N, C-alpha and C. Protein backbone atom coordinates (compact mmCIF):
# COMPACT_ATOMS: atom_id res chain seq x y z
N MET A 1 9.16 -12.60 -9.13
CA MET A 1 9.01 -11.46 -8.25
C MET A 1 8.62 -10.23 -9.06
N ALA A 2 7.82 -9.39 -8.46
CA ALA A 2 7.28 -8.23 -9.17
C ALA A 2 8.05 -6.95 -8.91
N ALA A 3 9.08 -7.01 -8.12
CA ALA A 3 9.85 -5.82 -7.74
C ALA A 3 8.97 -4.83 -6.99
N CYS A 4 9.16 -3.54 -7.19
CA CYS A 4 8.40 -2.55 -6.42
C CYS A 4 8.16 -1.31 -7.29
N VAL A 5 7.48 -1.52 -8.42
CA VAL A 5 7.13 -0.43 -9.33
C VAL A 5 5.67 -0.08 -9.07
N LEU A 6 5.41 1.12 -8.59
CA LEU A 6 4.07 1.53 -8.18
C LEU A 6 3.63 2.70 -9.05
N SER A 7 2.82 2.41 -10.09
CA SER A 7 2.39 3.43 -11.05
C SER A 7 0.87 3.48 -11.11
N PRO A 8 0.23 4.43 -10.42
CA PRO A 8 -1.23 4.52 -10.41
C PRO A 8 -1.82 4.85 -11.78
N THR A 9 -3.03 4.33 -12.03
CA THR A 9 -3.81 4.68 -13.21
C THR A 9 -5.13 5.29 -12.74
N ALA A 10 -5.99 5.64 -13.67
CA ALA A 10 -7.26 6.29 -13.32
C ALA A 10 -8.29 5.33 -12.73
N GLY A 11 -8.10 4.02 -12.87
CA GLY A 11 -9.09 3.06 -12.39
C GLY A 11 -8.59 2.22 -11.25
N ASP A 12 -9.09 0.98 -11.21
CA ASP A 12 -8.70 0.03 -10.17
C ASP A 12 -7.27 -0.45 -10.44
N ASP A 13 -6.46 -0.50 -9.40
CA ASP A 13 -5.07 -0.93 -9.54
C ASP A 13 -4.73 -1.98 -8.50
N THR A 14 -3.83 -2.89 -8.87
CA THR A 14 -3.28 -3.88 -7.95
C THR A 14 -1.77 -3.74 -7.97
N TYR A 15 -1.18 -3.50 -6.82
CA TYR A 15 0.25 -3.29 -6.70
C TYR A 15 0.88 -4.43 -5.91
N VAL A 16 2.11 -4.79 -6.31
CA VAL A 16 2.89 -5.78 -5.58
C VAL A 16 4.29 -5.21 -5.39
N CYS A 17 4.75 -5.23 -4.15
CA CYS A 17 6.12 -4.82 -3.83
C CYS A 17 6.74 -5.96 -3.03
N ASP A 18 7.45 -6.86 -3.74
CA ASP A 18 8.01 -8.02 -3.06
C ASP A 18 9.54 -8.06 -3.11
N SER A 19 10.13 -7.08 -3.74
CA SER A 19 11.59 -6.91 -3.74
C SER A 19 11.88 -5.50 -4.23
N GLY A 20 13.04 -5.01 -3.90
CA GLY A 20 13.39 -3.66 -4.33
C GLY A 20 12.75 -2.59 -3.47
N THR A 21 12.88 -1.34 -3.95
CA THR A 21 12.45 -0.19 -3.16
C THR A 21 11.68 0.79 -4.02
N SER A 22 10.59 1.31 -3.46
CA SER A 22 9.90 2.46 -4.03
C SER A 22 10.26 3.65 -3.16
N ALA A 23 10.98 4.61 -3.73
CA ALA A 23 11.50 5.72 -2.94
C ALA A 23 10.49 6.83 -2.71
N THR A 24 9.30 6.75 -3.32
CA THR A 24 8.37 7.87 -3.26
C THR A 24 7.06 7.58 -2.56
N GLY A 25 6.87 6.41 -2.00
CA GLY A 25 5.57 6.08 -1.43
C GLY A 25 4.57 5.80 -2.53
N LEU A 26 3.28 5.76 -2.17
CA LEU A 26 2.22 5.46 -3.15
C LEU A 26 0.98 6.25 -2.78
N THR A 27 0.47 7.03 -3.72
CA THR A 27 -0.80 7.72 -3.57
C THR A 27 -1.67 7.38 -4.76
N ASP A 28 -2.83 6.78 -4.51
CA ASP A 28 -3.79 6.43 -5.57
C ASP A 28 -5.17 6.80 -5.04
N LEU A 29 -5.73 7.86 -5.58
CA LEU A 29 -6.97 8.42 -5.04
C LEU A 29 -8.20 8.03 -5.83
N SER A 30 -8.10 7.05 -6.74
CA SER A 30 -9.29 6.63 -7.49
C SER A 30 -9.34 5.12 -7.62
N GLY A 31 -10.55 4.59 -7.65
CA GLY A 31 -10.75 3.17 -7.88
C GLY A 31 -10.67 2.33 -6.62
N ASN A 32 -10.85 1.03 -6.82
CA ASN A 32 -10.69 0.02 -5.77
C ASN A 32 -9.28 -0.53 -5.94
N ASN A 33 -8.43 -0.31 -4.97
CA ASN A 33 -7.01 -0.63 -5.13
C ASN A 33 -6.56 -1.69 -4.15
N GLY A 34 -5.51 -2.41 -4.53
CA GLY A 34 -4.92 -3.42 -3.69
C GLY A 34 -3.41 -3.28 -3.66
N LEU A 35 -2.82 -3.58 -2.53
CA LEU A 35 -1.36 -3.53 -2.37
C LEU A 35 -0.93 -4.70 -1.52
N THR A 36 0.06 -5.44 -2.01
CA THR A 36 0.71 -6.50 -1.24
C THR A 36 2.19 -6.15 -1.12
N VAL A 37 2.69 -6.11 0.11
CA VAL A 37 4.11 -5.85 0.37
C VAL A 37 4.66 -7.06 1.10
N SER A 38 5.70 -7.67 0.53
CA SER A 38 6.25 -8.89 1.13
C SER A 38 7.72 -9.03 0.74
N GLY A 39 8.32 -10.14 1.15
CA GLY A 39 9.71 -10.40 0.82
C GLY A 39 10.59 -9.26 1.30
N SER A 40 11.44 -8.78 0.42
CA SER A 40 12.32 -7.65 0.77
C SER A 40 11.79 -6.33 0.23
N GLY A 41 10.50 -6.27 -0.09
CA GLY A 41 9.88 -5.04 -0.61
C GLY A 41 9.89 -3.93 0.41
N LEU A 42 10.24 -2.72 -0.03
CA LEU A 42 10.33 -1.55 0.84
C LEU A 42 9.69 -0.36 0.14
N ILE A 43 8.68 0.23 0.78
CA ILE A 43 8.08 1.47 0.30
C ILE A 43 8.52 2.57 1.25
N GLN A 44 9.33 3.51 0.73
CA GLN A 44 9.85 4.61 1.55
C GLN A 44 8.92 5.80 1.43
N GLY A 45 7.94 5.86 2.28
CA GLY A 45 6.97 6.94 2.24
C GLY A 45 5.59 6.43 2.59
N ASN A 46 4.62 7.31 2.52
CA ASN A 46 3.25 6.96 2.89
C ASN A 46 2.55 6.20 1.77
N VAL A 47 1.57 5.39 2.17
CA VAL A 47 0.64 4.75 1.23
C VAL A 47 -0.72 5.37 1.50
N VAL A 48 -1.31 6.01 0.47
CA VAL A 48 -2.58 6.72 0.63
C VAL A 48 -3.55 6.25 -0.44
N PHE A 49 -4.66 5.65 -0.01
CA PHE A 49 -5.78 5.30 -0.89
C PHE A 49 -6.98 6.10 -0.44
N ASP A 50 -7.79 6.58 -1.40
CA ASP A 50 -8.98 7.36 -1.09
C ASP A 50 -10.20 6.45 -1.15
N ALA A 51 -11.37 7.03 -1.38
CA ALA A 51 -12.62 6.27 -1.43
C ALA A 51 -12.49 5.10 -2.41
N GLY A 52 -13.14 4.03 -2.09
CA GLY A 52 -13.06 2.79 -2.86
C GLY A 52 -12.89 1.65 -1.87
N ASN A 53 -13.12 0.45 -2.33
CA ASN A 53 -12.91 -0.73 -1.49
C ASN A 53 -11.47 -1.19 -1.69
N ASN A 54 -10.61 -0.78 -0.81
CA ASN A 54 -9.17 -1.02 -0.95
C ASN A 54 -8.72 -2.13 -0.02
N ARG A 55 -7.65 -2.83 -0.45
CA ARG A 55 -7.10 -3.91 0.36
C ARG A 55 -5.59 -3.76 0.42
N ILE A 56 -5.05 -3.83 1.64
CA ILE A 56 -3.60 -3.78 1.84
C ILE A 56 -3.20 -4.99 2.66
N GLU A 57 -2.15 -5.66 2.19
CA GLU A 57 -1.63 -6.85 2.88
C GLU A 57 -0.12 -6.70 3.04
N ILE A 58 0.35 -6.82 4.29
CA ILE A 58 1.78 -6.74 4.60
C ILE A 58 2.20 -8.12 5.09
N ASN A 59 3.18 -8.73 4.42
CA ASN A 59 3.63 -10.08 4.75
C ASN A 59 5.13 -10.11 4.99
N ALA A 60 5.57 -11.19 5.65
CA ALA A 60 6.99 -11.50 5.85
C ALA A 60 7.77 -10.27 6.29
N ASP A 61 8.77 -9.89 5.52
CA ASP A 61 9.63 -8.77 5.89
C ASP A 61 9.30 -7.51 5.11
N GLY A 62 8.13 -7.42 4.52
CA GLY A 62 7.72 -6.23 3.78
C GLY A 62 7.64 -5.02 4.69
N VAL A 63 8.04 -3.85 4.18
CA VAL A 63 8.09 -2.64 5.00
C VAL A 63 7.44 -1.46 4.27
N VAL A 64 6.56 -0.76 4.97
CA VAL A 64 6.10 0.56 4.55
C VAL A 64 6.69 1.53 5.55
N ASP A 65 7.71 2.26 5.12
CA ASP A 65 8.40 3.19 6.00
C ASP A 65 7.69 4.54 5.97
N GLY A 66 6.41 4.50 6.37
CA GLY A 66 5.55 5.67 6.37
C GLY A 66 4.19 5.27 6.91
N ASP A 67 3.23 6.17 6.80
CA ASP A 67 1.88 5.92 7.29
C ASP A 67 1.04 5.25 6.20
N VAL A 68 0.10 4.42 6.62
CA VAL A 68 -0.87 3.80 5.72
C VAL A 68 -2.21 4.48 5.99
N GLU A 69 -2.77 5.13 4.96
CA GLU A 69 -4.05 5.81 5.10
C GLU A 69 -5.03 5.24 4.08
N GLN A 70 -6.21 4.79 4.57
CA GLN A 70 -7.23 4.24 3.70
C GLN A 70 -8.44 5.15 3.71
N GLY A 71 -9.23 5.09 2.64
CA GLY A 71 -10.39 5.97 2.49
C GLY A 71 -11.58 5.57 3.33
N SER A 72 -12.73 6.12 2.97
CA SER A 72 -13.93 5.99 3.79
C SER A 72 -14.80 4.78 3.46
N GLU A 73 -14.50 4.06 2.41
CA GLU A 73 -15.29 2.88 2.05
C GLU A 73 -14.86 1.67 2.88
N ALA A 74 -15.44 0.51 2.56
CA ALA A 74 -15.11 -0.73 3.27
C ALA A 74 -13.74 -1.21 2.82
N ASP A 75 -12.73 -1.01 3.64
CA ASP A 75 -11.36 -1.37 3.32
C ASP A 75 -10.92 -2.56 4.16
N GLU A 76 -9.89 -3.25 3.67
CA GLU A 76 -9.31 -4.37 4.41
C GLU A 76 -7.83 -4.09 4.63
N PHE A 77 -7.33 -4.46 5.80
CA PHE A 77 -5.91 -4.37 6.10
C PHE A 77 -5.52 -5.66 6.81
N GLU A 78 -4.52 -6.35 6.28
CA GLU A 78 -4.05 -7.60 6.88
C GLU A 78 -2.54 -7.51 7.05
N MET A 79 -2.07 -7.81 8.25
CA MET A 79 -0.64 -7.77 8.53
C MET A 79 -0.20 -9.10 9.10
N ASN A 80 0.69 -9.77 8.36
CA ASN A 80 1.20 -11.09 8.75
C ASN A 80 2.71 -11.05 8.95
N GLY A 81 3.21 -9.94 9.42
CA GLY A 81 4.64 -9.73 9.57
C GLY A 81 4.99 -8.39 8.97
N GLY A 82 6.26 -8.12 8.82
CA GLY A 82 6.67 -6.85 8.25
C GLY A 82 6.52 -5.70 9.22
N ARG A 83 6.51 -4.46 8.65
CA ARG A 83 6.49 -3.28 9.51
C ARG A 83 5.87 -2.11 8.76
N ILE A 84 5.08 -1.31 9.49
CA ILE A 84 4.58 -0.02 9.01
C ILE A 84 4.74 0.98 10.16
N LEU A 85 4.68 2.27 9.86
CA LEU A 85 4.75 3.26 10.94
C LEU A 85 3.41 3.38 11.65
N SER A 86 2.30 3.52 10.88
CA SER A 86 0.97 3.61 11.49
C SER A 86 -0.08 3.36 10.43
N ILE A 87 -1.30 3.08 10.87
CA ILE A 87 -2.44 2.95 9.97
C ILE A 87 -3.56 3.83 10.51
N ARG A 88 -4.24 4.52 9.59
CA ARG A 88 -5.34 5.39 10.02
C ARG A 88 -6.25 5.66 8.82
N PRO A 89 -7.47 6.11 9.10
CA PRO A 89 -8.36 6.48 8.00
C PRO A 89 -7.84 7.74 7.32
N LEU A 90 -8.19 7.90 6.06
CA LEU A 90 -7.76 9.08 5.30
C LEU A 90 -8.29 10.34 5.94
N ARG A 91 -7.43 11.31 6.10
CA ARG A 91 -7.84 12.61 6.65
C ARG A 91 -8.39 13.47 5.53
N ASN A 92 -9.63 13.90 5.67
CA ASN A 92 -10.25 14.75 4.63
C ASN A 92 -10.14 16.20 5.01
C-alpha cells in the first residue's frame, strides 16, 4: 500500500492514496498528473489539477472530501465506487 503522501513536483506526477489520510488536499498546477484513490484512502480537501492531460480514478471506498477540479486539456475521470463532493473544470 502506498498510504496517502501527496507531494507535487515541477513535472508529471502520479499519486496514490490507498490508505491513510491527506489532511490538506492536493494542488498540482503543472505537468500531466494522475491520482488513484482507493481502499481506505482519504483526501480531506480539494484536488486541483491545471492544464495537462490529467487522470483521476476513484475506486472502492476511496474518498475525496472536497471538490475535484481538472484543467482545460483532455482529462480523464473514472469513478468505480468511493465518494467525492463534486467534479468540475478548473475555474480560471
